[in-house]
Amino acid sequence: MLTSSKGTNWTVAGAKARLSEVIERAQSSPQTITKNGKPSVVVVSAEEWQRKIARKGTLAEFLLDSPLRGADLDLERQRDEPRDLPR
């Protein structure tokens, strides 16, 4: 287990052996589980997960609240010939 400012890193074996501790610590900070030395998954509290996935409004609301609304933008379509792309 390695502690950092963003939480704690665990190996898969360490997380498996101390799953209750991983869950307990995830209540206060994200717990990263590494596989082959690389981050694989992050365990977070259910509350944190709900905050992350919460819908923050509709696309229409986003566009209506945009700071560009009412700006005088020239959005005319370009009629240039398409460029050739390598295959």
PDB file of N, CA and C in Angstrom:
ATOM      1  N   MET A   1       0.846  -1.170   0.000  1.00  0.00           N
ATOM      2  CA  MET A   1       0.000   0.000   0.000  1.00  0.00           C
ATOM      3  C   MET A   1       0.892   1.234   0.000  1.00  0.00           C
ATOM      4  N   LEU A   2       0.567   2.209  -0.859  1.00  0.00           N
ATOM      5  CA  LEU A   2       1.329   3.449  -0.971  1.00  0.00           C
ATOM      6  C   LEU A   2       0.360   4.613  -0.854  1.00  0.00           C
ATOM      7  N   THR A   3       0.591   5.514   0.080  1.00  0.00           N
ATOM      8  CA  THR A   3      -0.307   6.645   0.295  1.00  0.00           C
ATOM      9  C   THR A   3       0.200   7.861  -0.461  1.00  0.00           C
ATOM     10  N   SER A   4      -0.726   8.572  -1.118  1.00  0.00           N
ATOM     11  CA  SER A   4      -0.393   9.819  -1.802  1.00  0.00           C
ATOM     12  C   SER A   4      -1.443  10.854  -1.438  1.00  0.00           C
ATOM     13  N   SER A   5      -1.273  12.080  -1.935  1.00  0.00           N
ATOM     14  CA  SER A   5      -2.231  13.144  -1.614  1.00  0.00           C
ATOM     15  C   SER A   5      -3.601  12.885  -2.221  1.00  0.00           C
ATOM     16  N   LYS A   6      -3.672  12.025  -3.236  1.00  0.00           N
ATOM     17  CA  LYS A   6      -4.947  11.745  -3.886  1.00  0.00           C
ATOM     18  C   LYS A   6      -5.576  10.449  -3.397  1.00  0.00           C
ATOM     19  N   GLY A   7      -5.033   9.842  -2.388  1.00  0.00           N
ATOM     20  CA  GLY A   7      -5.590   8.594  -1.882  1.00  0.00           C
ATOM     21  C   GLY A   7      -4.502   7.571  -1.660  1.00  0.00           C
ATOM     22  N   THR A   8      -4.870   6.312  -1.819  1.00  0.00           N
ATOM     23  CA  THR A   8      -3.944   5.224  -1.554  1.00  0.00           C
ATOM     24  C   THR A   8      -3.891   4.291  -2.748  1.00  0.00           C
ATOM     25  N   ASN A   9      -2.697   3.792  -3.041  1.00  0.00           N
ATOM     26  CA  ASN A   9      -2.517   2.805  -4.102  1.00  0.00           C
ATOM     27  C   ASN A   9      -2.362   1.431  -3.479  1.00  0.00           C
ATOM     28  N   TRP A  10      -3.047   0.450  -4.039  1.00  0.00           N
ATOM     29  CA  TRP A  10      -3.002  -0.928  -3.576  1.00  0.00           C
ATOM     30  C   TRP A  10      -2.667  -1.838  -4.745  1.00  0.00           C
ATOM     31  N   THR A  11      -1.956  -2.903  -4.482  1.00  0.00           N
ATOM     32  CA  THR A  11      -1.818  -3.955  -5.484  1.00  0.00           C
ATOM     33  C   THR A  11      -3.106  -4.769  -5.445  1.00  0.00           C
ATOM     34  N   VAL A  12      -3.361  -5.548  -6.477  1.00  0.00           N
ATOM     35  CA  VAL A  12      -4.552  -6.401  -6.488  1.00  0.00           C
ATOM     36  C   VAL A  12      -4.524  -7.345  -5.289  1.00  0.00           C
ATOM     37  N   ALA A  13      -3.372  -7.955  -5.047  1.00  0.00           N
ATOM     38  CA  ALA A  13      -3.257  -8.899  -3.928  1.00  0.00           C
ATOM     39  C   ALA A  13      -3.489  -8.196  -2.594  1.00  0.00           C
ATOM     40  N   GLY A  14      -2.915  -7.008  -2.429  1.00  0.00           N
ATOM     41  CA  GLY A  14      -3.090  -6.258  -1.189  1.00  0.00           C
ATOM     42  C   GLY A  14      -4.538  -5.835  -0.979  1.00  0.00           C
ATOM     43  N   ALA A  15      -5.188  -5.397  -2.052  1.00  0.00           N
ATOM     44  CA  ALA A  15      -6.592  -4.986  -1.951  1.00  0.00           C
ATOM     45  C   ALA A  15      -7.484  -6.178  -1.630  1.00  0.00           C
ATOM     46  N   LYS A  16      -7.169  -7.319  -2.229  1.00  0.00           N
ATOM     47  CA  LYS A  16      -7.961  -8.530  -1.973  1.00  0.00           C
ATOM     48  C   LYS A  16      -7.820  -8.963  -0.510  1.00  0.00           C
ATOM     49  N   ALA A  17      -6.604  -8.911  -0.015  1.00  0.00           N
ATOM     50  CA  ALA A  17      -6.347  -9.342   1.360  1.00  0.00           C
ATOM     51  C   ALA A  17      -6.939  -8.377   2.387  1.00  0.00           C
ATOM     52  N   ARG A  18      -7.070  -7.100   2.015  1.00  0.00           N
ATOM     53  CA  ARG A  18      -7.539  -6.089   2.977  1.00  0.00           C
ATOM     54  C   ARG A  18      -8.733  -5.316   2.419  1.00  0.00           C
ATOM     55  N   LEU A  19      -9.652  -6.040   1.780  1.00  0.00           N
ATOM     56  CA  LEU A  19     -10.784  -5.405   1.113  1.00  0.00           C
ATOM     57  C   LEU A  19     -11.596  -4.518   2.052  1.00  0.00           C
ATOM     58  N   SER A  20     -11.831  -4.970   3.266  1.00  0.00           N
ATOM     59  CA  SER A  20     -12.596  -4.151   4.221  1.00  0.00           C
ATOM     60  C   SER A  20     -11.916  -2.808   4.458  1.00  0.00           C
ATOM     61  N   GLU A  21     -10.594  -2.813   4.548  1.00  0.00           N
ATOM     62  CA  GLU A  21      -9.855  -1.562   4.752  1.00  0.00           C
ATOM     63  C   GLU A  21      -9.931  -0.675   3.511  1.00  0.00           C
ATOM     64  N   VAL A  22      -9.836  -1.286   2.333  1.00  0.00           N
ATOM     65  CA  VAL A  22      -9.954  -0.517   1.085  1.00  0.00           C
ATOM     66  C   VAL A  22     -11.306   0.199   1.058  1.00  0.00           C
ATOM     67  N   ILE A  23     -12.371  -0.543   1.376  1.00  0.00           N
ATOM     68  CA  ILE A  23     -13.715   0.039   1.377  1.00  0.00           C
ATOM     69  C   ILE A  23     -13.827   1.147   2.417  1.00  0.00           C
ATOM     70  N   GLU A  24     -13.307   0.911   3.591  1.00  0.00           N
ATOM     71  CA  GLU A  24     -13.369   1.918   4.656  1.00  0.00           C
ATOM     72  C   GLU A  24     -12.628   3.192   4.254  1.00  0.00           C
ATOM     73  N   ARG A  25     -11.443   3.051   3.693  1.00  0.00           N
ATOM     74  CA  ARG A  25     -10.658   4.224   3.281  1.00  0.00           C
ATOM     75  C   ARG A  25     -11.298   4.948   2.095  1.00  0.00           C
ATOM     76  N   ALA A  26     -12.008   4.194   1.249  1.00  0.00           N
ATOM     77  CA  ALA A  26     -12.666   4.805   0.089  1.00  0.00           C
ATOM     78  C   ALA A  26     -13.771   5.768   0.508  1.00  0.00           C
ATOM     79  N   GLN A  27     -14.241   5.650   1.740  1.00  0.00           N
ATOM     80  CA  GLN A  27     -15.265   6.572   2.230  1.00  0.00           C
ATOM     81  C   GLN A  27     -14.721   7.994   2.348  1.00  0.00           C
ATOM     82  N   SER A  28     -13.407   8.132   2.501  1.00  0.00           N
ATOM     83  CA  SER A  28     -12.829   9.468   2.653  1.00  0.00           C
ATOM     84  C   SER A  28     -11.925   9.888   1.502  1.00  0.00           C
ATOM     85  N   SER A  29     -11.379   8.931   0.741  1.00  0.00           N
ATOM     86  CA  SER A  29     -10.546   9.301  -0.409  1.00  0.00           C
ATOM     87  C   SER A  29     -10.485   8.136  -1.396  1.00  0.00           C
ATOM     88  N   PRO A  30     -10.284   8.432  -2.679  1.00  0.00           N
ATOM     89  CA  PRO A  30     -10.219   7.373  -3.691  1.00  0.00           C
ATOM     90  C   PRO A  30      -9.079   6.400  -3.409  1.00  0.00           C
ATOM     91  N   GLN A  31      -9.328   5.117  -3.691  1.00  0.00           N
ATOM     92  CA  GLN A  31      -8.336   4.066  -3.495  1.00  0.00           C
ATOM     93  C   GLN A  31      -8.022   3.454  -4.861  1.00  0.00           C
ATOM     94  N   THR A  32      -6.786   3.597  -5.308  1.00  0.00           N
ATOM     95  CA  THR A  32      -6.381   3.085  -6.611  1.00  0.00           C
ATOM     96  C   THR A  32      -5.821   1.681  -6.456  1.00  0.00           C
ATOM     97  N   ILE A  33      -6.316   0.772  -7.288  1.00  0.00           N
ATOM     98  CA  ILE A  33      -5.798  -0.595  -7.294  1.00  0.00           C
ATOM     99  C   ILE A  33      -4.982  -0.758  -8.570  1.00  0.00           C
ATOM    100  N   THR A  34      -3.726  -1.163  -8.389  1.00  0.00           N
ATOM    101  CA  THR A  34      -2.823  -1.304  -9.524  1.00  0.00           C
ATOM    102  C   THR A  34      -2.693  -2.764  -9.933  1.00  0.00           C
ATOM    103  N   LYS A  35      -2.441  -2.953 -11.214  1.00  0.00           N
ATOM    104  CA  LYS A  35      -2.209  -4.292 -11.761  1.00  0.00           C
ATOM    105  C   LYS A  35      -0.948  -4.196 -12.608  1.00  0.00           C
ATOM    106  N   ASN A  36       0.002  -5.032 -12.313  1.00  0.00           N
ATOM    107  CA  ASN A  36       1.301  -4.994 -12.998  1.00  0.00           C
ATOM    108  C   ASN A  36       1.949  -3.611 -12.887  1.00  0.00           C
ATOM    109  N   GLY A  37       1.773  -2.972 -11.734  1.00  0.00           N
ATOM    110  CA  GLY A  37       2.403  -1.685 -11.479  1.00  0.00           C
ATOM    111  C   GLY A  37       1.707  -0.482 -12.086  1.00  0.00           C
ATOM    112  N   LYS A  38       0.582  -0.699 -12.776  1.00  0.00           N
ATOM    113  CA  LYS A  38      -0.123   0.405 -13.423  1.00  0.00           C
ATOM    114  C   LYS A  38      -1.524   0.534 -12.834  1.00  0.00           C
ATOM    115  N   PRO A  39      -2.026   1.763 -12.680  1.00  0.00           N
ATOM    116  CA  PRO A  39      -3.382   1.937 -12.162  1.00  0.00           C
ATOM    117  C   PRO A  39      -4.391   1.168 -13.012  1.00  0.00           C
ATOM    118  N   SER A  40      -5.259   0.419 -12.360  1.00  0.00           N
ATOM    119  CA  SER A  40      -6.248  -0.390 -13.067  1.00  0.00           C
ATOM    120  C   SER A  40      -7.671   0.074 -12.772  1.00  0.00           C
ATOM    121  N   VAL A  41      -7.997   0.236 -11.489  1.00  0.00           N
ATOM    122  CA  VAL A  41      -9.328   0.699 -11.090  1.00  0.00           C
ATOM    123  C   VAL A  41      -9.199   1.624  -9.888  1.00  0.00           C
ATOM    124  N   VAL A  42     -10.260   2.397  -9.658  1.00  0.00           N
ATOM    125  CA  VAL A  42     -10.312   3.270  -8.493  1.00  0.00           C
ATOM    126  C   VAL A  42     -11.592   2.964  -7.733  1.00  0.00           C
ATOM    127  N   VAL A  43     -11.466   2.764  -6.435  1.00  0.00           N
ATOM    128  CA  VAL A  43     -12.619   2.523  -5.569  1.00  0.00           C
ATOM    129  C   VAL A  43     -12.951   3.846  -4.885  1.00  0.00           C
ATOM    130  N   VAL A  44     -14.204   4.277  -5.042  1.00  0.00           N
ATOM    131  CA  VAL A  44     -14.669   5.507  -4.394  1.00  0.00           C
ATOM    132  C   VAL A  44     -15.944   5.201  -3.619  1.00  0.00           C
ATOM    133  N   SER A  45     -16.311   6.090  -2.720  1.00  0.00           N
ATOM    134  CA  SER A  45     -17.542   5.902  -1.956  1.00  0.00           C
ATOM    135  C   SER A  45     -18.746   5.999  -2.887  1.00  0.00           C
ATOM    136  N   ALA A  46     -19.853   5.397  -2.479  1.00  0.00           N
ATOM    137  CA  ALA A  46     -21.085   5.468  -3.267  1.00  0.00           C
ATOM    138  C   ALA A  46     -21.528   6.924  -3.421  1.00  0.00           C
ATOM    139  N   GLU A  47     -21.351   7.714  -2.374  1.00  0.00           N
ATOM    140  CA  GLU A  47     -21.721   9.133  -2.426  1.00  0.00           C
ATOM    141  C   GLU A  47     -20.906   9.874  -3.486  1.00  0.00           C
ATOM    142  N   GLU A  48     -19.600   9.629  -3.508  1.00  0.00           N
ATOM    143  CA  GLU A  48     -18.731  10.267  -4.506  1.00  0.00           C
ATOM    144  C   GLU A  48     -19.127   9.822  -5.907  1.00  0.00           C
ATOM    145  N   TRP A  49     -19.421   8.551  -6.086  1.00  0.00           N
ATOM    146  CA  TRP A  49     -19.815   8.030  -7.395  1.00  0.00           C
ATOM    147  C   TRP A  49     -21.108   8.698  -7.869  1.00  0.00           C
ATOM    148  N   GLN A  50     -22.088   8.835  -6.991  1.00  0.00           N
ATOM    149  CA  GLN A  50     -23.346   9.480  -7.365  1.00  0.00           C
ATOM    150  C   GLN A  50     -23.114  10.932  -7.777  1.00  0.00           C
ATOM    151  N   ARG A  51     -22.211  11.619  -7.103  1.00  0.00           N
ATOM    152  CA  ARG A  51     -21.874  12.997  -7.490  1.00  0.00           C
ATOM    153  C   ARG A  51     -21.263  13.034  -8.881  1.00  0.00           C
ATOM    154  N   LYS A  52     -20.405  12.065  -9.180  1.00  0.00           N
ATOM    155  CA  LYS A  52     -19.717  12.048 -10.476  1.00  0.00           C
ATOM    156  C   LYS A  52     -20.670  11.766 -11.634  1.00  0.00           C
ATOM    157  N   ILE A  53     -21.666  10.901 -11.396  1.00  0.00           N
ATOM    158  CA  ILE A  53     -22.545  10.510 -12.500  1.00  0.00           C
ATOM    159  C   ILE A  53     -23.829  11.332 -12.571  1.00  0.00           C
ATOM    160  N   ALA A  54     -24.021  12.238 -11.631  1.00  0.00           N
ATOM    161  CA  ALA A  54     -25.252  13.037 -11.610  1.00  0.00           C
ATOM    162  C   ALA A  54     -25.367  13.861 -12.885  1.00  0.00           C
ATOM    163  N   ARG A  55     -26.548  13.848 -13.444  1.00  0.00           N
ATOM    164  CA  ARG A  55     -26.814  14.627 -14.648  1.00  0.00           C
ATOM    165  C   ARG A  55     -26.810  16.103 -14.268  1.00  0.00           C
ATOM    166  N   LYS A  56     -26.163  16.892 -15.061  1.00  0.00           N
ATOM    167  CA  LYS A  56     -26.019  18.307 -14.744  1.00  0.00           C
ATOM    168  C   LYS A  56     -26.860  19.168 -15.683  1.00  0.00           C
ATOM    169  N   GLY A  57     -27.997  18.657 -16.106  1.00  0.00           N
ATOM    170  CA  GLY A  57     -28.880  19.407 -16.997  1.00  0.00           C
ATOM    171  C   GLY A  57     -28.896  18.808 -18.388  1.00  0.00           C
ATOM    172  N   THR A  58     -29.786  19.329 -19.205  1.00  0.00           N
ATOM    173  CA  THR A  58     -29.934  18.839 -20.569  1.00  0.00           C
ATOM    174  C   THR A  58     -28.996  19.602 -21.504  1.00  0.00           C
ATOM    175  N   LEU A  59     -28.850  19.094 -22.706  1.00  0.00           N
ATOM    176  CA  LEU A  59     -28.048  19.783 -23.711  1.00  0.00           C
ATOM    177  C   LEU A  59     -28.659  21.151 -24.007  1.00  0.00           C
ATOM    178  N   ALA A  60     -29.980  21.211 -24.073  1.00  0.00           N
ATOM    179  CA  ALA A  60     -30.652  22.487 -24.338  1.00  0.00           C
ATOM    180  C   ALA A  60     -30.334  23.505 -23.243  1.00  0.00           C
ATOM    181  N   GLU A  61     -30.357  23.072 -21.980  1.00  0.00           N
ATOM    182  CA  GLU A  61     -30.028  23.979 -20.875  1.00  0.00           C
ATOM    183  C   GLU A  61     -28.585  24.454 -20.968  1.00  0.00           C
ATOM    184  N   PHE A  62     -27.695  23.541 -21.339  1.00  0.00           N
ATOM    185  CA  PHE A  62     -26.288  23.901 -21.497  1.00  0.00           C
ATOM    186  C   PHE A  62     -26.133  24.979 -22.568  1.00  0.00           C
ATOM    187  N   LEU A  63     -26.789  24.778 -23.707  1.00  0.00           N
ATOM    188  CA  LEU A  63     -26.673  25.739 -24.802  1.00  0.00           C
ATOM    189  C   LEU A  63     -27.311  27.082 -24.438  1.00  0.00           C
ATOM    190  N   LEU A  64     -28.440  27.043 -23.731  1.00  0.00           N
ATOM    191  CA  LEU A  64     -29.092  28.288 -23.323  1.00  0.00           C
ATOM    192  C   LEU A  64     -28.261  29.068 -22.312  1.00  0.00           C
ATOM    193  N   ASP A  65     -27.505  28.362 -21.481  1.00  0.00           N
ATOM    194  CA  ASP A  65     -26.669  29.008 -20.465  1.00  0.00           C
ATOM    195  C   ASP A  65     -25.281  29.373 -20.982  1.00  0.00           C
ATOM    196  N   SER A  66     -24.984  29.051 -22.223  1.00  0.00           N
ATOM    197  CA  SER A  66     -23.658  29.275 -22.783  1.00  0.00           C
ATOM    198  C   SER A  66     -23.307  30.760 -22.800  1.00  0.00           C
ATOM    199  N   PRO A  67     -22.075  31.090 -22.432  1.00  0.00           N
ATOM    200  CA  PRO A  67     -21.652  32.492 -22.506  1.00  0.00           C
ATOM    201  C   PRO A  67     -21.588  32.994 -23.952  1.00  0.00           C
ATOM    202  N   LEU A  68     -21.623  32.080 -24.925  1.00  0.00           N
ATOM    203  CA  LEU A  68     -21.589  32.477 -26.331  1.00  0.00           C
ATOM    204  C   LEU A  68     -22.983  32.790 -26.877  1.00  0.00           C
ATOM    205  N   ARG A  69     -24.024  32.518 -26.069  1.00  0.00           N
ATOM    206  CA  ARG A  69     -25.386  32.791 -26.522  1.00  0.00           C
ATOM    207  C   ARG A  69     -25.526  34.287 -26.786  1.00  0.00           C
ATOM    208  N   GLY A  70     -26.003  34.610 -27.959  1.00  0.00           N
ATOM    209  CA  GLY A  70     -26.188  36.012 -28.321  1.00  0.00           C
ATOM    210  C   GLY A  70     -24.946  36.648 -28.922  1.00  0.00           C
ATOM    211  N   ALA A  71     -23.833  35.922 -28.925  1.00  0.00           N
ATOM    212  CA  ALA A  71     -22.611  36.464 -29.526  1.00  0.00           C
ATOM    213  C   ALA A  71     -22.791  36.491 -31.041  1.00  0.00           C
ATOM    214  N   ASP A  72     -22.199  37.461 -31.667  1.00  0.00           N
ATOM    215  CA  ASP A  72     -22.315  37.604 -33.115  1.00  0.00           C
ATOM    216  C   ASP A  72     -21.240  36.753 -33.781  1.00  0.00           C
ATOM    217  N   LEU A  73     -21.532  35.461 -33.924  1.00  0.00           N
ATOM    218  CA  LEU A  73     -20.573  34.537 -34.518  1.00  0.00           C
ATOM    219  C   LEU A  73     -20.911  34.298 -35.979  1.00  0.00           C
ATOM    220  N   ASP A  74     -19.899  34.237 -36.820  1.00  0.00           N
ATOM    221  CA  ASP A  74     -20.090  33.916 -38.230  1.00  0.00           C
ATOM    222  C   ASP A  74     -19.882  32.416 -38.393  1.00  0.00           C
ATOM    223  N   LEU A  75     -20.972  31.686 -38.493  1.00  0.00           N
ATOM    224  CA  LEU A  75     -20.894  30.231 -38.579  1.00  0.00           C
ATOM    225  C   LEU A  75     -21.225  29.731 -39.980  1.00  0.00           C
ATOM    226  N   GLU A  76     -20.879  30.522 -40.973  1.00  0.00           N
ATOM    227  CA  GLU A  76     -21.151  30.145 -42.352  1.00  0.00           C
ATOM    228  C   GLU A  76     -20.316  28.926 -42.734  1.00  0.00           C
ATOM    229  N   ARG A  77     -20.949  28.006 -43.429  1.00  0.00           N
ATOM    230  CA  ARG A  77     -20.271  26.778 -43.839  1.00  0.00           C
ATOM    231  C   ARG A  77     -19.217  27.082 -44.890  1.00  0.00           C
ATOM    232  N   GLN A  78     -18.059  26.458 -44.731  1.00  0.00           N
ATOM    233  CA  GLN A  78     -17.007  26.604 -45.730  1.00  0.00           C
ATOM    234  C   GLN A  78     -17.317  25.686 -46.904  1.00  0.00           C
ATOM    235  N   ARG A  79     -17.135  26.179 -48.089  1.00  0.00           N
ATOM    236  CA  ARG A  79     -17.428  25.409 -49.302  1.00  0.00           C
ATOM    237  C   ARG A  79     -16.146  24.960 -50.006  1.00  0.00           C
ATOM    238  N   ASP A  80     -15.037  24.903 -49.272  1.00  0.00           N
ATOM    239  CA  ASP A  80     -13.761  24.476 -49.846  1.00  0.00           C
ATOM    240  C   ASP A  80     -13.865  23.037 -50.333  1.00  0.00           C
ATOM    241  N   GLU A  81     -13.010  22.710 -51.286  1.00  0.00           N
ATOM    242  CA  GLU A  81     -12.924  21.326 -51.759  1.00  0.00           C
ATOM    243  C   GLU A  81     -12.350  20.462 -50.638  1.00  0.00           C
ATOM    244  N   PRO A  82     -12.850  19.247 -50.474  1.00  0.00           N
ATOM    245  CA  PRO A  82     -12.291  18.373 -49.434  1.00  0.00           C
ATOM    246  C   PRO A  82     -10.849  18.006 -49.762  1.00  0.00           C
ATOM    247  N   ARG A  83     -10.070  17.782 -48.749  1.00  0.00           N
ATOM    248  CA  ARG A  83      -8.676  17.395 -48.972  1.00  0.00           C
ATOM    249  C   ARG A  83      -8.583  15.881 -49.078  1.00  0.00           C
ATOM    250  N   ASP A  84      -7.569  15.425 -49.773  1.00  0.00           N
ATOM    251  CA  ASP A  84      -7.332  13.987 -49.905  1.00  0.00           C
ATOM    252  C   ASP A  84      -6.645  13.471 -48.654  1.00  0.00           C
ATOM    253  N   LEU A  85      -7.149  12.376 -48.127  1.00  0.00           N
ATOM    254  CA  LEU A  85      -6.552  11.745 -46.960  1.00  0.00           C
ATOM    255  C   LEU A  85      -5.914  10.429 -47.366  1.00  0.00           C
ATOM    256  N   PRO A  86      -4.753  10.107 -46.794  1.00  0.00           N
ATOM    257  CA  PRO A  86      -4.117   8.819 -47.118  1.00  0.00           C
ATOM    258  C   PRO A  86      -4.978   7.664 -46.610  1.00  0.00           C
ATOM    259  N   ARG A  87      -4.936   6.586 -47.342  1.00  0.00           N
ATOM    260  CA  ARG A  87      -5.725   5.401 -46.946  1.00  0.00           C
ATOM    261  C   ARG A  87      -4.897   4.401 -46.235  1.00  0.00           C
TER     262      ARG A  87
END
